[in-house]
PDB file of N, CA and C in Angstrom:
ATOM      1  N   ALA A   1       5.850  -6.194  -1.210  1.00  0.00           N
ATOM      2  CA  ALA A   1       5.839  -5.507  -2.485  1.00  0.00           C
ATOM      3  C   ALA A   1       6.821  -6.187  -3.422  1.00  0.00           C
ATOM      4  N   ARG A   2       6.437  -6.299  -4.632  1.00  0.00           N
ATOM      5  CA  ARG A   2       7.300  -6.891  -5.654  1.00  0.00           C
ATOM      6  C   ARG A   2       7.270  -6.036  -6.888  1.00  0.00           C
ATOM      7  N   PRO A   3       8.330  -5.589  -7.416  1.00  0.00           N
ATOM      8  CA  PRO A   3       9.670  -5.619  -6.810  1.00  0.00           C
ATOM      9  C   PRO A   3       9.835  -4.534  -5.742  1.00  0.00           C
ATOM     10  N   ASN A   4      10.838  -4.706  -4.923  1.00  0.00           N
ATOM     11  CA  ASN A   4      11.171  -3.726  -3.898  1.00  0.00           C
ATOM     12  C   ASN A   4      12.685  -3.762  -3.708  1.00  0.00           C
ATOM     13  N   PRO A   5      13.433  -2.746  -4.088  1.00  0.00           N
ATOM     14  CA  PRO A   5      12.975  -1.446  -4.551  1.00  0.00           C
ATOM     15  C   PRO A   5      12.376  -1.519  -5.960  1.00  0.00           C
ATOM     16  N   PHE A   6      11.574  -0.491  -6.282  1.00  0.00           N
ATOM     17  CA  PHE A   6      10.948  -0.440  -7.591  1.00  0.00           C
ATOM     18  C   PHE A   6      11.281   0.882  -8.272  1.00  0.00           C
ATOM     19  N   THR A   7      11.139   0.916  -9.613  1.00  0.00           N
ATOM     20  CA  THR A   7      11.508   2.124 -10.346  1.00  0.00           C
ATOM     21  C   THR A   7      10.290   2.929 -10.802  1.00  0.00           C
ATOM     22  N   THR A   8       9.195   2.285 -11.122  1.00  0.00           N
ATOM     23  CA  THR A   8       7.995   3.015 -11.542  1.00  0.00           C
ATOM     24  C   THR A   8       6.751   2.479 -10.852  1.00  0.00           C
ATOM     25  N   THR A   9       6.529   1.165 -10.953  1.00  0.00           N
ATOM     26  CA  THR A   9       5.355   0.558 -10.321  1.00  0.00           C
ATOM     27  C   THR A   9       5.767  -0.681  -9.535  1.00  0.00           C
ATOM     28  N   THR A  10       4.967  -0.988  -8.539  1.00  0.00           N
ATOM     29  CA  THR A  10       5.157  -2.211  -7.776  1.00  0.00           C
ATOM     30  C   THR A  10       3.785  -2.774  -7.446  1.00  0.00           C
ATOM     31  N   ARG A  11       3.760  -4.042  -7.133  1.00  0.00           N
ATOM     32  CA  ARG A  11       2.519  -4.746  -6.823  1.00  0.00           C
ATOM     33  C   ARG A  11       2.534  -5.119  -5.346  1.00  0.00           C
ATOM     34  N   LEU A  12       1.447  -4.803  -4.660  1.00  0.00           N
ATOM     35  CA  LEU A  12       1.301  -5.112  -3.240  1.00  0.00           C
ATOM     36  C   LEU A  12       0.213  -6.164  -3.101  1.00  0.00           C
ATOM     37  N   GLN A  13       0.566  -7.322  -2.586  1.00  0.00           N
ATOM     38  CA  GLN A  13      -0.399  -8.415  -2.466  1.00  0.00           C
ATOM     39  C   GLN A  13      -0.907  -8.502  -1.034  1.00  0.00           C
ATOM     40  N   LEU A  14      -2.225  -8.668  -0.899  1.00  0.00           N
ATOM     41  CA  LEU A  14      -2.800  -8.881   0.421  1.00  0.00           C
ATOM     42  C   LEU A  14      -3.853  -9.974   0.333  1.00  0.00           C
ATOM     43  N   THR A  15      -3.975 -10.722   1.405  1.00  0.00           N
ATOM     44  CA  THR A  15      -4.939 -11.814   1.481  1.00  0.00           C
ATOM     45  C   THR A  15      -5.834 -11.585   2.688  1.00  0.00           C
ATOM     46  N   LEU A  16      -7.141 -11.671   2.447  1.00  0.00           N
ATOM     47  CA  LEU A  16      -8.129 -11.496   3.509  1.00  0.00           C
ATOM     48  C   LEU A  16      -8.864 -12.801   3.741  1.00  0.00           C
ATOM     49  N   ASP A  17      -9.028 -13.182   4.997  1.00  0.00           N
ATOM     50  CA  ASP A  17      -9.749 -14.410   5.348  1.00  0.00           C
ATOM     51  C   ASP A  17     -11.253 -14.205   5.390  1.00  0.00           C
ATOM     52  N   THR A  18     -11.678 -12.979   5.668  1.00  0.00           N
ATOM     53  CA  THR A  18     -13.100 -12.649   5.775  1.00  0.00           C
ATOM     54  C   THR A  18     -13.347 -11.310   5.082  1.00  0.00           C
ATOM     55  N   PRO A  19     -14.589 -10.999   4.737  1.00  0.00           N
ATOM     56  CA  PRO A  19     -14.870  -9.670   4.192  1.00  0.00           C
ATOM     57  C   PRO A  19     -14.425  -8.606   5.199  1.00  0.00           C
ATOM     58  N   THR A  20     -13.759  -7.581   4.709  1.00  0.00           N
ATOM     59  CA  THR A  20     -13.147  -6.605   5.604  1.00  0.00           C
ATOM     60  C   THR A  20     -13.226  -5.204   5.015  1.00  0.00           C
ATOM     61  N   ALA A  21     -13.600  -4.240   5.851  1.00  0.00           N
ATOM     62  CA  ALA A  21     -13.459  -2.828   5.479  1.00  0.00           C
ATOM     63  C   ALA A  21     -11.973  -2.517   5.575  1.00  0.00           C
ATOM     64  N   LEU A  22     -11.415  -1.956   4.526  1.00  0.00           N
ATOM     65  CA  LEU A  22      -9.967  -1.784   4.475  1.00  0.00           C
ATOM     66  C   LEU A  22      -9.605  -0.460   3.827  1.00  0.00           C
ATOM     67  N   ARG A  23      -8.612   0.187   4.418  1.00  0.00           N
ATOM     68  CA  ARG A  23      -8.041   1.400   3.825  1.00  0.00           C
ATOM     69  C   ARG A  23      -6.553   1.155   3.665  1.00  0.00           C
ATOM     70  N   VAL A  24      -6.043   1.344   2.448  1.00  0.00           N
ATOM     71  CA  VAL A  24      -4.623   1.178   2.162  1.00  0.00           C
ATOM     72  C   VAL A  24      -4.113   2.491   1.583  1.00  0.00           C
ATOM     73  N   ALA A  25      -3.106   3.067   2.224  1.00  0.00           N
ATOM     74  CA  ALA A  25      -2.566   4.345   1.794  1.00  0.00           C
ATOM     75  C   ALA A  25      -1.044   4.319   1.865  1.00  0.00           C
ATOM     76  N   VAL A  26      -0.428   5.218   1.085  1.00  0.00           N
ATOM     77  CA  VAL A  26       1.026   5.338   1.017  1.00  0.00           C
ATOM     78  C   VAL A  26       1.414   6.670   1.649  1.00  0.00           C
ATOM     79  N   PHE A  27       2.453   6.627   2.488  1.00  0.00           N
ATOM     80  CA  PHE A  27       2.926   7.804   3.203  1.00  0.00           C
ATOM     81  C   PHE A  27       4.407   8.015   2.938  1.00  0.00           C
ATOM     82  N   ASP A  28       4.833   9.283   2.904  1.00  0.00           N
ATOM     83  CA  ASP A  28       6.265   9.557   2.811  1.00  0.00           C
ATOM     84  C   ASP A  28       6.866   9.451   4.212  1.00  0.00           C
ATOM     85  N   VAL A  29       8.180   9.613   4.314  1.00  0.00           N
ATOM     86  CA  VAL A  29       8.847   9.431   5.612  1.00  0.00           C
ATOM     87  C   VAL A  29       8.503  10.529   6.617  1.00  0.00           C
ATOM     88  N   LEU A  30       7.886  11.613   6.144  1.00  0.00           N
ATOM     89  CA  LEU A  30       7.446  12.666   7.062  1.00  0.00           C
ATOM     90  C   LEU A  30       6.027  12.426   7.566  1.00  0.00           C
ATOM     91  N   GLY A  31       5.409  11.312   7.128  1.00  0.00           N
ATOM     92  CA  GLY A  31       4.070  10.971   7.590  1.00  0.00           C
ATOM     93  C   GLY A  31       2.941  11.561   6.776  1.00  0.00           C
ATOM     94  N   ARG A  32       3.261  12.194   5.643  1.00  0.00           N
ATOM     95  CA  ARG A  32       2.225  12.778   4.785  1.00  0.00           C
ATOM     96  C   ARG A  32       1.683  11.710   3.836  1.00  0.00           C
ATOM     97  N   GLU A  33       0.359  11.634   3.746  1.00  0.00           N
ATOM     98  CA  GLU A  33      -0.242  10.694   2.804  1.00  0.00           C
ATOM     99  C   GLU A  33      -0.004  11.209   1.383  1.00  0.00           C
ATOM    100  N   VAL A  34       0.559  10.346   0.536  1.00  0.00           N
ATOM    101  CA  VAL A  34       0.854  10.751  -0.838  1.00  0.00           C
ATOM    102  C   VAL A  34      -0.022  10.035  -1.863  1.00  0.00           C
ATOM    103  N   LYS A  35      -0.675   8.951  -1.445  1.00  0.00           N
ATOM    104  CA  LYS A  35      -1.534   8.219  -2.378  1.00  0.00           C
ATOM    105  C   LYS A  35      -2.435   7.269  -1.596  1.00  0.00           C
ATOM    106  N   LYS A  36      -3.693   7.197  -2.009  1.00  0.00           N
ATOM    107  CA  LYS A  36      -4.626   6.215  -1.443  1.00  0.00           C
ATOM    108  C   LYS A  36      -4.770   5.094  -2.474  1.00  0.00           C
ATOM    109  N   LEU A  37      -4.532   3.855  -2.054  1.00  0.00           N
ATOM    110  CA  LEU A  37      -4.621   2.718  -2.966  1.00  0.00           C
ATOM    111  C   LEU A  37      -5.978   2.032  -2.917  1.00  0.00           C
ATOM    112  N   HIS A  38      -6.621   2.058  -1.761  1.00  0.00           N
ATOM    113  CA  HIS A  38      -7.952   1.446  -1.649  1.00  0.00           C
ATOM    114  C   HIS A  38      -8.650   1.968  -0.399  1.00  0.00           C
ATOM    115  N   GLU A  39      -9.964   2.116  -0.520  1.00  0.00           N
ATOM    116  CA  GLU A  39     -10.785   2.425   0.654  1.00  0.00           C
ATOM    117  C   GLU A  39     -12.165   1.851   0.397  1.00  0.00           C
ATOM    118  N   GLY A  40     -12.556   0.887   1.223  1.00  0.00           N
ATOM    119  CA  GLY A  40     -13.848   0.240   1.066  1.00  0.00           C
ATOM    120  C   GLY A  40     -13.777  -1.203   1.531  1.00  0.00           C
ATOM    121  N   THR A  41     -14.875  -1.910   1.340  1.00  0.00           N
ATOM    122  CA  THR A  41     -14.949  -3.303   1.775  1.00  0.00           C
ATOM    123  C   THR A  41     -14.482  -4.232   0.667  1.00  0.00           C
ATOM    124  N   LEU A  42     -13.671  -5.209   1.049  1.00  0.00           N
ATOM    125  CA  LEU A  42     -13.220  -6.251   0.140  1.00  0.00           C
ATOM    126  C   LEU A  42     -13.709  -7.595   0.650  1.00  0.00           C
ATOM    127  N   GLN A  43     -14.094  -8.460  -0.242  1.00  0.00           N
ATOM    128  CA  GLN A  43     -14.487  -9.810   0.116  1.00  0.00           C
ATOM    129  C   GLN A  43     -13.243 -10.633   0.450  1.00  0.00           C
ATOM    130  N   ALA A  44     -13.429 -11.798   1.058  1.00  0.00           N
ATOM    131  CA  ALA A  44     -12.309 -12.689   1.350  1.00  0.00           C
ATOM    132  C   ALA A  44     -11.632 -13.059   0.037  1.00  0.00           C
ATOM    133  N   GLY A  45     -10.309 -13.131   0.053  1.00  0.00           N
ATOM    134  CA  GLY A  45      -9.561 -13.495  -1.145  1.00  0.00           C
ATOM    135  C   GLY A  45      -8.208 -12.815  -1.170  1.00  0.00           C
ATOM    136  N   THR A  46      -7.520 -12.995  -2.283  1.00  0.00           N
ATOM    137  CA  THR A  46      -6.200 -12.408  -2.482  1.00  0.00           C
ATOM    138  C   THR A  46      -6.318 -11.283  -3.501  1.00  0.00           C
ATOM    139  N   TYR A  47      -5.691 -10.170  -3.199  1.00  0.00           N
ATOM    140  CA  TYR A  47      -5.761  -8.975  -4.038  1.00  0.00           C
ATOM    141  C   TYR A  47      -4.357  -8.469  -4.340  1.00  0.00           C
ATOM    142  N   ASN A  48      -4.199  -7.896  -5.515  1.00  0.00           N
ATOM    143  CA  ASN A  48      -2.958  -7.233  -5.910  1.00  0.00           C
ATOM    144  C   ASN A  48      -3.261  -5.766  -6.159  1.00  0.00           C
ATOM    145  N   LEU A  49      -2.702  -4.914  -5.325  1.00  0.00           N
ATOM    146  CA  LEU A  49      -2.866  -3.473  -5.493  1.00  0.00           C
ATOM    147  C   LEU A  49      -1.622  -2.943  -6.193  1.00  0.00           C
ATOM    148  N   ARG A  50      -1.824  -2.088  -7.168  1.00  0.00           N
ATOM    149  CA  ARG A  50      -0.715  -1.546  -7.952  1.00  0.00           C
ATOM    150  C   ARG A  50      -0.392  -0.145  -7.449  1.00  0.00           C
ATOM    151  N   LEU A  51       0.864   0.050  -7.106  1.00  0.00           N
ATOM    152  CA  LEU A  51       1.350   1.363  -6.694  1.00  0.00           C
ATOM    153  C   LEU A  51       2.142   1.955  -7.852  1.00  0.00           C
ATOM    154  N   ASP A  52       1.622   3.032  -8.418  1.00  0.00           N
ATOM    155  CA  ASP A  52       2.301   3.754  -9.484  1.00  0.00           C
ATOM    156  C   ASP A  52       3.084   4.890  -8.841  1.00  0.00           C
ATOM    157  N   GLY A  53       4.396   4.779  -8.859  1.00  0.00           N
ATOM    158  CA  GLY A  53       5.236   5.787  -8.242  1.00  0.00           C
ATOM    159  C   GLY A  53       5.848   6.753  -9.234  1.00  0.00           C
ATOM    160  N   SER A  54       5.331   6.767 -10.463  1.00  0.00           N
ATOM    161  CA  SER A  54       5.933   7.611 -11.494  1.00  0.00           C
ATOM    162  C   SER A  54       5.864   9.106 -11.160  1.00  0.00           C
ATOM    163  N   HIS A  55       4.916   9.507 -10.337  1.00  0.00           N
ATOM    164  CA  HIS A  55       4.778  10.921  -9.965  1.00  0.00           C
ATOM    165  C   HIS A  55       5.442  11.255  -8.628  1.00  0.00           C
ATOM    166  N   LEU A  56       6.052  10.255  -7.993  1.00  0.00           N
ATOM    167  CA  LEU A  56       6.670  10.457  -6.682  1.00  0.00           C
ATOM    168  C   LEU A  56       8.182  10.577  -6.809  1.00  0.00           C
ATOM    169  N   PRO A  57       8.817  11.360  -5.945  1.00  0.00           N
ATOM    170  CA  PRO A  57      10.277  11.417  -5.960  1.00  0.00           C
ATOM    171  C   PRO A  57      10.859  10.119  -5.381  1.00  0.00           C
ATOM    172  N   PRO A  58      12.083   9.771  -5.775  1.00  0.00           N
ATOM    173  CA  PRO A  58      12.718   8.581  -5.205  1.00  0.00           C
ATOM    174  C   PRO A  58      12.805   8.697  -3.689  1.00  0.00           C
ATOM    175  N   GLY A  59      12.719   7.565  -3.023  1.00  0.00           N
ATOM    176  CA  GLY A  59      12.843   7.563  -1.571  1.00  0.00           C
ATOM    177  C   GLY A  59      12.127   6.385  -0.949  1.00  0.00           C
ATOM    178  N   LEU A  60      12.051   6.415   0.363  1.00  0.00           N
ATOM    179  CA  LEU A  60      11.398   5.373   1.141  1.00  0.00           C
ATOM    180  C   LEU A  60       9.964   5.800   1.427  1.00  0.00           C
ATOM    181  N   TYR A  61       9.029   4.865   1.262  1.00  0.00           N
ATOM    182  CA  TYR A  61       7.613   5.120   1.519  1.00  0.00           C
ATOM    183  C   TYR A  61       7.059   4.023   2.410  1.00  0.00           C
ATOM    184  N   LEU A  62       6.029   4.349   3.151  1.00  0.00           N
ATOM    185  CA  LEU A  62       5.359   3.387   4.020  1.00  0.00           C
ATOM    186  C   LEU A  62       3.965   3.144   3.479  1.00  0.00           C
ATOM    187  N   VAL A  63       3.626   1.862   3.334  1.00  0.00           N
ATOM    188  CA  VAL A  63       2.290   1.473   2.910  1.00  0.00           C
ATOM    189  C   VAL A  63       1.575   0.970   4.146  1.00  0.00           C
ATOM    190  N   ARG A  64       0.452   1.597   4.468  1.00  0.00           N
ATOM    191  CA  ARG A  64      -0.284   1.268   5.689  1.00  0.00           C
ATOM    192  C   ARG A  64      -1.676   0.764   5.332  1.00  0.00           C
ATOM    193  N   ALA A  65      -1.995  -0.432   5.820  1.00  0.00           N
ATOM    194  CA  ALA A  65      -3.329  -1.016   5.644  1.00  0.00           C
ATOM    195  C   ALA A  65      -4.005  -1.051   7.008  1.00  0.00           C
ATOM    196  N   THR A  66      -5.199  -0.462   7.091  1.00  0.00           N
ATOM    197  CA  THR A  66      -5.958  -0.428   8.338  1.00  0.00           C
ATOM    198  C   THR A  66      -7.334  -1.007   8.079  1.00  0.00           C
ATOM    199  N   ASP A  67      -7.724  -1.988   8.906  1.00  0.00           N
ATOM    200  CA  ASP A  67      -9.040  -2.596   8.711  1.00  0.00           C
ATOM    201  C   ASP A  67     -10.081  -1.894   9.581  1.00  0.00           C
ATOM    202  N   GLY A  68     -11.321  -2.322   9.446  1.00  0.00           N
ATOM    203  CA  GLY A  68     -12.435  -1.699  10.152  1.00  0.00           C
ATOM    204  C   GLY A  68     -12.373  -1.824  11.660  1.00  0.00           C
ATOM    205  N   ARG A  69     -11.571  -2.747  12.175  1.00  0.00           N
ATOM    206  CA  ARG A  69     -11.413  -2.909  13.625  1.00  0.00           C
ATOM    207  C   ARG A  69     -10.263  -2.078  14.173  1.00  0.00           C
ATOM    208  N   GLY A  70      -9.537  -1.394  13.279  1.00  0.00           N
ATOM    209  CA  GLY A  70      -8.415  -0.567  13.723  1.00  0.00           C
ATOM    210  C   GLY A  70      -7.076  -1.265  13.686  1.00  0.00           C
ATOM    211  N   THR A  71      -7.028  -2.508  13.219  1.00  0.00           N
ATOM    212  CA  THR A  71      -5.759  -3.210  13.099  1.00  0.00           C
ATOM    213  C   THR A  71      -4.985  -2.635  11.923  1.00  0.00           C
ATOM    214  N   THR A  72      -3.718  -2.314  12.150  1.00  0.00           N
ATOM    215  CA  THR A  72      -2.892  -1.690  11.127  1.00  0.00           C
ATOM    216  C   THR A  72      -1.640  -2.519  10.855  1.00  0.00           C
ATOM    217  N   VAL A  73      -1.335  -2.661   9.578  1.00  0.00           N
ATOM    218  CA  VAL A  73      -0.090  -3.313   9.148  1.00  0.00           C
ATOM    219  C   VAL A  73       0.647  -2.310   8.268  1.00  0.00           C
ATOM    220  N   THR A  74       1.939  -2.122   8.527  1.00  0.00           N
ATOM    221  CA  THR A  74       2.725  -1.173   7.758  1.00  0.00           C
ATOM    222  C   THR A  74       3.939  -1.885   7.168  1.00  0.00           C
ATOM    223  N   ARG A  75       4.211  -1.605   5.894  1.00  0.00           N
ATOM    224  CA  ARG A  75       5.372  -2.140   5.198  1.00  0.00           C
ATOM    225  C   ARG A  75       6.073  -0.998   4.488  1.00  0.00           C
ATOM    226  N   SER A  76       7.372  -1.127   4.317  1.00  0.00           N
ATOM    227  CA  SER A  76       8.131  -0.084   3.604  1.00  0.00           C
ATOM    228  C   SER A  76       8.402  -0.532   2.177  1.00  0.00           C
ATOM    229  N   VAL A  77       8.441   0.441   1.291  1.00  0.00           N
ATOM    230  CA  VAL A  77       8.829   0.211  -0.105  1.00  0.00           C
ATOM    231  C   VAL A  77       9.801   1.319  -0.480  1.00  0.00           C
ATOM    232  N   ALA A  78      10.748   0.985  -1.339  1.00  0.00           N
ATOM    233  CA  ALA A  78      11.749   1.959  -1.775  1.00  0.00           C
ATOM    234  C   ALA A  78      11.567   2.223  -3.262  1.00  0.00           C
ATOM    235  N   LEU A  79      11.477   3.490  -3.606  1.00  0.00           N
ATOM    236  CA  LEU A  79      11.361   3.918  -4.991  1.00  0.00           C
ATOM    237  C   LEU A  79      12.702   4.465  -5.430  1.00  0.00           C
ATOM    238  N   SER A  80      13.248   3.881  -6.498  1.00  0.00           N
ATOM    239  CA  SER A  80      14.523   4.366  -7.038  1.00  0.00           C
ATOM    240  C   SER A  80      14.326   4.758  -8.489  1.00  0.00           C
ATOM    241  N   ARG A  81      15.257   5.452  -9.035  1.00  0.00           N
ATOM    242  CA  ARG A  81      15.187   5.855 -10.450  1.00  0.00           C
ATOM    243  C   ARG A  81      16.399   5.358 -11.178  1.00  0.00           C
TER     244      ARG A  81
END
């Protein structure tokens, strides 16, 4: 994520080698989903997903990307004010 920590919005970049069914969601530290960034199939390429945190309280969040095969990647982002 760039920038991280962020104050209002941040950009999450992901690169896919092949077309992939993908779900990207943001969770708070208690494991509650607070925002869905993408759900569906993406073609191979590089994508920038924008996380707007203006409605979220400051804190640590986890961004989880899960593909159609069940592979999951999780990254943390910090929202400050």
